[in-house]
Amino acid sequence: MPEPVHVATEYGALRRVAMRHAGDFTRPLTGSGRHPVLARQQATSSWAPYDPVTVRAQQDQLIALLHEHGTNVILLPPAPGCSTQHYPRDIAFAVDHVLFRARLNSAHRLPETDALADPALGAHPVDVTSGTIEGGDVLLPDTGHVLVGLSEETSPEGAAALQDALAQHGIDREVVPVHFATEGIVHLDDHLAVVAPGTALIHRDAFTADQNRWFTAHFDDLIPVTDAEARAVQVNVLAIAPTTLVTAAGSERIAAALTARGLEALTVDYSEVTRIPGSLRCTTLPLLRT
């Protein structure tokens, strides 16, 4: 039997994770049928067509690195007709001992969640009952809070429903809605990354003044990133142990900032993955951290 689900923070040792390879189907990024949400998101982040074969090859590099560091990678089955199926972080998220099924904002992505019935995941997903909420907007900075970004994909109702669901399952955490300074934000994890206890990468310009004050009060060390780094999705790193992170090639300044704080920064080429605004964190769904 698989081990149970348990994820208490963003930086615990990653023991088990779900991933899914990119499919061959891609959706058009321009044209008269472009969704208004996508249009707003394209104003705040970079979007370009990607080659699925190259994306899968880069995912395989990450999978090999995870195996080398003792992480069991569960590959989810394909979701035919879904263009961003290689971002399983969006479809679910674990908080402590519970795996929550996201309430996706995009109806065409709903078939991606079918894979959550796979017994290899180790848990039956719990539904959030109202609003919208996606895993890219859910961060665990410590054992007392759950940060939920109010992006284009996650609503205040979804954040409130998660608070109710946590209480129903005996999880004593406070959901903190995170407010952005502009519309068009894809997900919180493109602008904030908790990399170690009390330490985070942050794109300050993405957040309201009040939200920035909250971050200052609740983190000991906030590492600023630039607008260009945020657009290149370089904030979207993946912690695989309390002092070890995976960063994307090209983010040397960020890697140096992490190293200066005693953290190890491993690097993989994710240049094709990041042609749309997602990176290392987006392509991984942690199921067990210790």
Protein backbone atom coordinates (compact mmCIF):
# COMPACT_ATOMS: atom_id res chain seq x y z
CA MET A 1 0.00 0.00 0.00
CA PRO A 2 1.23 3.56 -0.69
CA GLU A 3 2.28 5.75 2.19
CA PRO A 4 -0.34 8.23 3.40
CA VAL A 5 -0.40 11.83 2.29
CA HIS A 6 1.27 14.38 4.53
CA VAL A 7 2.59 17.83 3.59
CA ALA A 8 3.09 20.37 6.39
CA THR A 9 5.37 22.93 4.70
CA GLU A 10 6.84 23.91 1.35
CA TYR A 11 10.34 22.80 2.36
CA GLY A 12 10.11 19.41 4.08
CA ALA A 13 12.08 16.54 2.52
CA LEU A 14 10.16 15.50 -0.59
CA ARG A 15 9.55 11.74 -0.40
CA ARG A 16 6.68 11.21 -2.82
CA VAL A 17 5.39 13.41 -5.63
CA ALA A 18 2.99 13.11 -8.56
CA MET A 19 3.87 14.36 -12.03
CA ARG A 20 2.34 14.05 -15.49
CA HIS A 21 4.08 14.38 -18.81
CA ALA A 22 2.95 17.04 -21.24
CA GLY A 23 0.44 15.88 -23.82
CA ASP A 24 0.63 16.60 -27.54
CA PHE A 25 -2.46 18.81 -27.61
CA THR A 26 -1.92 22.55 -27.15
CA ARG A 27 -4.47 25.36 -27.14
CA PRO A 28 -4.11 28.53 -29.25
CA LEU A 29 -2.81 31.53 -27.33
CA THR A 30 -4.17 34.21 -29.68
CA GLY A 31 -7.18 34.82 -31.88
CA SER A 32 -10.78 35.87 -31.59
CA GLY A 33 -11.69 32.96 -29.32
CA ARG A 34 -9.13 33.85 -26.66
CA HIS A 35 -10.68 33.76 -23.18
CA PRO A 36 -10.76 37.12 -21.33
CA VAL A 37 -8.88 35.57 -18.37
CA LEU A 38 -6.07 34.49 -20.69
CA ALA A 39 -5.97 37.98 -22.20
CA ARG A 40 -5.49 39.52 -18.74
CA GLN A 41 -2.87 36.93 -17.80
CA GLN A 42 -0.90 37.62 -20.96
CA ALA A 43 -0.54 41.22 -19.81
CA THR A 44 1.35 40.16 -16.66
CA SER A 45 3.32 37.10 -17.81
CA SER A 46 5.00 35.69 -20.90
CA TRP A 47 3.18 33.16 -23.08
CA ALA A 48 4.56 31.40 -26.16
CA PRO A 49 3.87 28.11 -27.97
CA TYR A 50 5.84 25.16 -26.59
CA ASP A 51 7.04 21.88 -28.06
CA PRO A 52 5.53 18.99 -26.04
CA VAL A 53 8.36 16.60 -26.90
CA THR A 54 10.94 19.00 -25.51
CA VAL A 55 8.82 19.67 -22.43
CA ARG A 56 8.65 15.93 -21.72
CA ALA A 57 12.41 15.60 -22.11
CA GLN A 58 12.96 18.41 -19.61
CA GLN A 59 10.49 16.83 -17.22
CA ASP A 60 12.49 13.61 -17.47
CA GLN A 61 15.60 15.51 -16.36
CA LEU A 62 13.75 16.64 -13.24
CA ILE A 63 12.41 13.13 -12.61
CA ALA A 64 15.96 11.74 -12.78
CA LEU A 65 17.18 14.37 -10.33
CA LEU A 66 14.32 13.59 -7.92
CA HIS A 67 15.10 9.88 -8.08
CA GLU A 68 18.75 10.63 -7.29
CA HIS A 69 17.62 12.44 -4.14
CA GLY A 70 15.35 9.67 -2.89
CA THR A 71 11.98 10.95 -4.13
CA ASN A 72 9.39 8.46 -5.39
CA VAL A 73 7.77 9.93 -8.52
CA ILE A 74 4.26 8.75 -9.42
CA LEU A 75 3.43 9.40 -13.07
CA LEU A 76 -0.23 10.22 -13.60
CA PRO A 77 -1.96 8.86 -16.72
CA PRO A 78 -2.50 11.17 -19.70
CA ALA A 79 -5.51 13.49 -19.84
CA PRO A 80 -6.36 13.53 -23.56
CA GLY A 81 -7.35 16.94 -24.91
CA CYS A 82 -5.93 18.87 -21.97
CA SER A 83 -3.18 21.25 -22.99
CA THR A 84 -1.60 22.01 -19.61
CA GLN A 85 -1.85 18.57 -18.05
CA HIS A 86 1.86 18.71 -17.12
CA TYR A 87 0.93 21.16 -14.32
CA PRO A 88 -0.62 18.77 -11.75
CA ARG A 89 0.02 21.31 -8.97
CA ASP A 90 -3.08 23.13 -10.24
CA ILE A 91 -5.48 20.21 -9.85
CA ALA A 92 -4.84 19.33 -6.20
CA PHE A 93 -2.86 20.24 -3.11
CA ALA A 94 -2.09 18.56 0.20
CA VAL A 95 -2.41 20.32 3.54
CA ASP A 96 -1.15 18.19 6.43
CA HIS A 97 -2.87 14.80 6.09
CA VAL A 98 -5.56 15.77 3.56
CA LEU A 99 -5.37 15.86 -0.24
CA PHE A 100 -7.75 18.47 -1.61
CA ARG A 101 -9.13 18.43 -5.13
CA ALA A 102 -8.94 21.89 -6.68
CA ARG A 103 -12.01 23.65 -8.05
CA LEU A 104 -10.61 24.58 -11.43
CA ASN A 105 -11.55 27.87 -13.04
CA SER A 106 -11.17 26.42 -16.57
CA ALA A 107 -13.79 23.85 -17.54
CA HIS A 108 -11.60 22.38 -20.28
CA ARG A 109 -9.12 21.24 -17.60
CA LEU A 110 -11.62 19.23 -15.56
CA PRO A 111 -10.59 15.86 -17.09
CA GLU A 112 -7.15 16.34 -15.54
CA THR A 113 -8.65 15.69 -12.09
CA ASP A 114 -9.81 12.17 -13.05
CA ALA A 115 -6.32 10.91 -12.19
CA LEU A 116 -6.86 11.84 -8.53
CA ALA A 117 -8.82 8.58 -8.16
CA ASP A 118 -5.57 6.63 -8.63
CA PRO A 119 -4.98 4.61 -5.42
CA ALA A 120 -1.22 5.12 -5.85
CA LEU A 121 -1.69 8.66 -4.55
CA GLY A 122 -2.42 7.29 -1.09
CA ALA A 123 -5.56 9.30 -0.36
CA HIS A 124 -9.06 9.97 -1.64
CA PRO A 125 -9.22 13.67 -2.52
CA VAL A 126 -11.51 15.94 -0.55
CA ASP A 127 -13.55 18.47 -2.51
CA VAL A 128 -13.61 22.20 -1.79
CA THR A 129 -17.30 22.96 -2.05
CA SER A 130 -17.58 26.47 -3.51
CA GLY A 131 -15.74 29.16 -5.41
CA THR A 132 -12.60 28.37 -7.36
CA ILE A 133 -9.18 27.44 -6.01
CA GLU A 134 -6.08 25.98 -7.67
CA GLY A 135 -2.96 24.51 -6.11
CA GLY A 136 -0.66 27.11 -7.65
CA ASP A 137 -2.30 29.63 -5.35
CA VAL A 138 -1.86 27.55 -2.17
CA LEU A 139 1.39 27.86 -0.17
CA LEU A 140 2.29 26.44 3.24
CA PRO A 141 4.77 28.84 4.90
CA ASP A 142 4.60 27.15 8.30
CA THR A 143 2.33 24.88 10.30
CA GLY A 144 -0.09 27.65 11.31
CA HIS A 145 -1.03 29.31 8.03
CA VAL A 146 -2.17 28.51 4.52
CA LEU A 147 -1.55 31.32 2.03
CA VAL A 148 -4.14 31.47 -0.76
CA GLY A 149 -3.51 33.85 -3.64
CA LEU A 150 -6.60 35.60 -5.02
CA SER A 151 -5.44 35.29 -8.61
CA GLU A 152 -7.42 34.97 -11.82
CA GLU A 153 -7.88 31.28 -10.96
CA THR A 154 -8.81 31.47 -7.26
CA SER A 155 -11.72 33.37 -5.74
CA PRO A 156 -12.39 34.69 -2.22
CA GLU A 157 -15.20 32.13 -2.01
CA GLY A 158 -12.74 29.35 -2.74
CA ALA A 159 -10.39 30.56 -0.02
CA ALA A 160 -13.27 30.71 2.48
CA ALA A 161 -14.44 27.23 1.47
CA LEU A 162 -10.93 25.89 2.07
CA GLN A 163 -10.98 27.36 5.59
CA ASP A 164 -14.23 25.49 6.24
CA ALA A 165 -12.83 22.27 4.78
CA LEU A 166 -9.71 22.48 6.96
CA ALA A 167 -11.87 22.79 10.07
CA GLN A 168 -14.04 19.87 9.01
CA HIS A 169 -10.96 17.67 8.75
CA GLY A 170 -9.39 18.72 12.02
CA ILE A 171 -6.67 20.96 10.54
CA ASP A 172 -5.99 23.93 12.80
CA ARG A 173 -4.63 26.46 10.32
CA GLU A 174 -5.61 29.98 9.32
CA VAL A 175 -6.24 30.62 5.65
CA VAL A 176 -4.66 33.96 4.71
CA PRO A 177 -6.06 35.40 1.45
CA VAL A 178 -3.22 37.05 -0.48
CA HIS A 179 -4.10 40.21 -2.40
CA PHE A 180 -2.42 41.28 -5.61
CA ALA A 181 -1.81 44.82 -6.83
CA THR A 182 -3.10 44.08 -10.33
CA GLU A 183 -5.44 41.75 -12.17
CA GLY A 184 -4.08 39.17 -14.56
CA ILE A 185 -2.01 37.20 -12.03
CA VAL A 186 -1.81 33.53 -13.06
CA HIS A 187 -0.90 32.02 -9.65
CA LEU A 188 0.68 33.03 -6.35
CA ASP A 189 3.63 30.68 -6.79
CA ASP A 190 4.89 32.72 -9.75
CA HIS A 191 5.47 35.64 -7.36
CA LEU A 192 6.18 34.09 -3.95
CA ALA A 193 8.17 30.99 -3.00
CA VAL A 194 8.72 29.77 0.55
CA VAL A 195 12.22 28.28 0.36
CA ALA A 196 13.12 27.65 4.02
CA PRO A 197 11.70 28.42 7.49
CA GLY A 198 10.98 32.16 7.57
CA THR A 199 12.58 32.68 4.15
CA ALA A 200 10.90 33.41 0.82
CA LEU A 201 11.53 34.71 -2.66
CA ILE A 202 9.16 37.59 -3.35
CA HIS A 203 8.15 39.75 -6.29
CA ARG A 204 7.09 42.75 -4.21
CA ASP A 205 5.50 44.69 -7.06
CA ALA A 206 2.86 42.00 -7.55
CA PHE A 207 1.28 42.61 -4.13
CA THR A 208 -0.65 45.40 -2.45
CA ALA A 209 1.01 47.58 0.17
CA ASP A 210 -0.99 45.94 2.96
CA GLN A 211 -0.04 42.49 1.71
CA ASN A 212 3.63 43.42 1.59
CA ARG A 213 3.40 44.61 5.19
CA TRP A 214 1.93 41.22 6.18
CA PHE A 215 4.82 39.42 4.50
CA THR A 216 7.35 41.65 6.28
CA ALA A 217 5.74 40.90 9.63
CA HIS A 218 5.61 37.13 9.10
CA PHE A 219 8.89 36.32 7.33
CA ASP A 220 12.41 36.82 8.69
CA ASP A 221 14.12 37.01 5.30
CA LEU A 222 12.41 38.13 2.09
CA ILE A 223 14.60 37.81 -1.00
CA PRO A 224 13.44 40.30 -3.66
CA VAL A 225 13.14 39.29 -7.31
CA THR A 226 12.81 41.60 -10.28
CA ASP A 227 9.95 42.05 -12.73
CA ALA A 228 12.02 40.29 -15.40
CA GLU A 229 12.74 37.33 -13.13
CA ALA A 230 9.06 37.01 -12.28
CA ARG A 231 8.02 37.11 -15.95
CA ALA A 232 10.57 34.37 -16.63
CA VAL A 233 8.88 32.28 -13.87
CA GLN A 234 12.14 32.09 -11.92
CA VAL A 235 10.32 32.43 -8.58
CA ASN A 236 8.66 29.06 -9.25
CA VAL A 237 11.33 26.90 -7.57
CA LEU A 238 10.92 23.50 -5.91
CA ALA A 239 12.23 22.64 -2.44
CA ILE A 240 13.20 18.97 -2.15
CA ALA A 241 14.72 19.14 1.35
CA PRO A 242 14.96 21.75 4.13
CA THR A 243 18.21 23.11 2.67
CA THR A 244 17.98 21.98 -0.97
CA LEU A 245 16.04 23.51 -3.85
CA VAL A 246 15.76 22.99 -7.58
CA THR A 247 15.99 26.12 -9.71
CA ALA A 248 15.66 26.61 -13.44
CA ALA A 249 18.71 27.24 -15.60
CA GLY A 250 19.01 30.95 -16.28
CA SER A 251 18.10 32.04 -12.76
CA GLU A 252 21.70 32.35 -11.56
CA ARG A 253 21.11 35.51 -9.51
CA ILE A 254 18.34 33.82 -7.55
CA ALA A 255 20.43 30.68 -7.12
CA ALA A 256 23.30 32.80 -5.79
CA ALA A 257 20.98 34.51 -3.31
CA LEU A 258 19.84 31.10 -2.04
CA THR A 259 23.42 29.83 -1.82
CA ALA A 260 24.42 32.91 0.16
CA ARG A 261 21.87 31.85 2.77
CA GLY A 262 23.35 28.37 3.12
CA LEU A 263 20.89 26.67 0.78
CA GLU A 264 21.88 24.30 -2.01
CA ALA A 265 20.51 25.26 -5.44
CA LEU A 266 20.38 22.44 -7.99
CA THR A 267 19.68 23.38 -11.61
CA VAL A 268 17.70 21.83 -14.45
CA ASP A 269 16.89 23.19 -17.90
CA TYR A 270 13.19 24.05 -17.89
CA SER A 271 13.33 26.63 -20.69
CA GLU A 272 10.63 24.94 -22.80
CA VAL A 273 8.32 24.36 -19.83
CA THR A 274 8.44 28.06 -18.93
CA ARG A 275 7.30 29.24 -22.34
CA ILE A 276 3.93 29.43 -20.62
CA PRO A 277 3.90 30.73 -17.02
CA GLY A 278 4.69 27.63 -15.02
CA SER A 279 7.86 25.95 -13.88
CA LEU A 280 9.25 23.47 -11.36
CA ARG A 281 6.61 23.86 -8.68
CA CYS A 282 3.78 23.72 -11.22
CA THR A 283 4.93 20.39 -12.66
CA THR A 284 5.02 18.66 -9.26
CA LEU A 285 2.29 17.68 -6.80
CA PRO A 286 3.89 16.80 -3.45
CA LEU A 287 2.18 13.98 -1.59
CA LEU A 288 4.63 13.29 1.22
CA ARG A 289 7.17 15.57 2.87
CA THR A 290 8.98 14.61 6.06
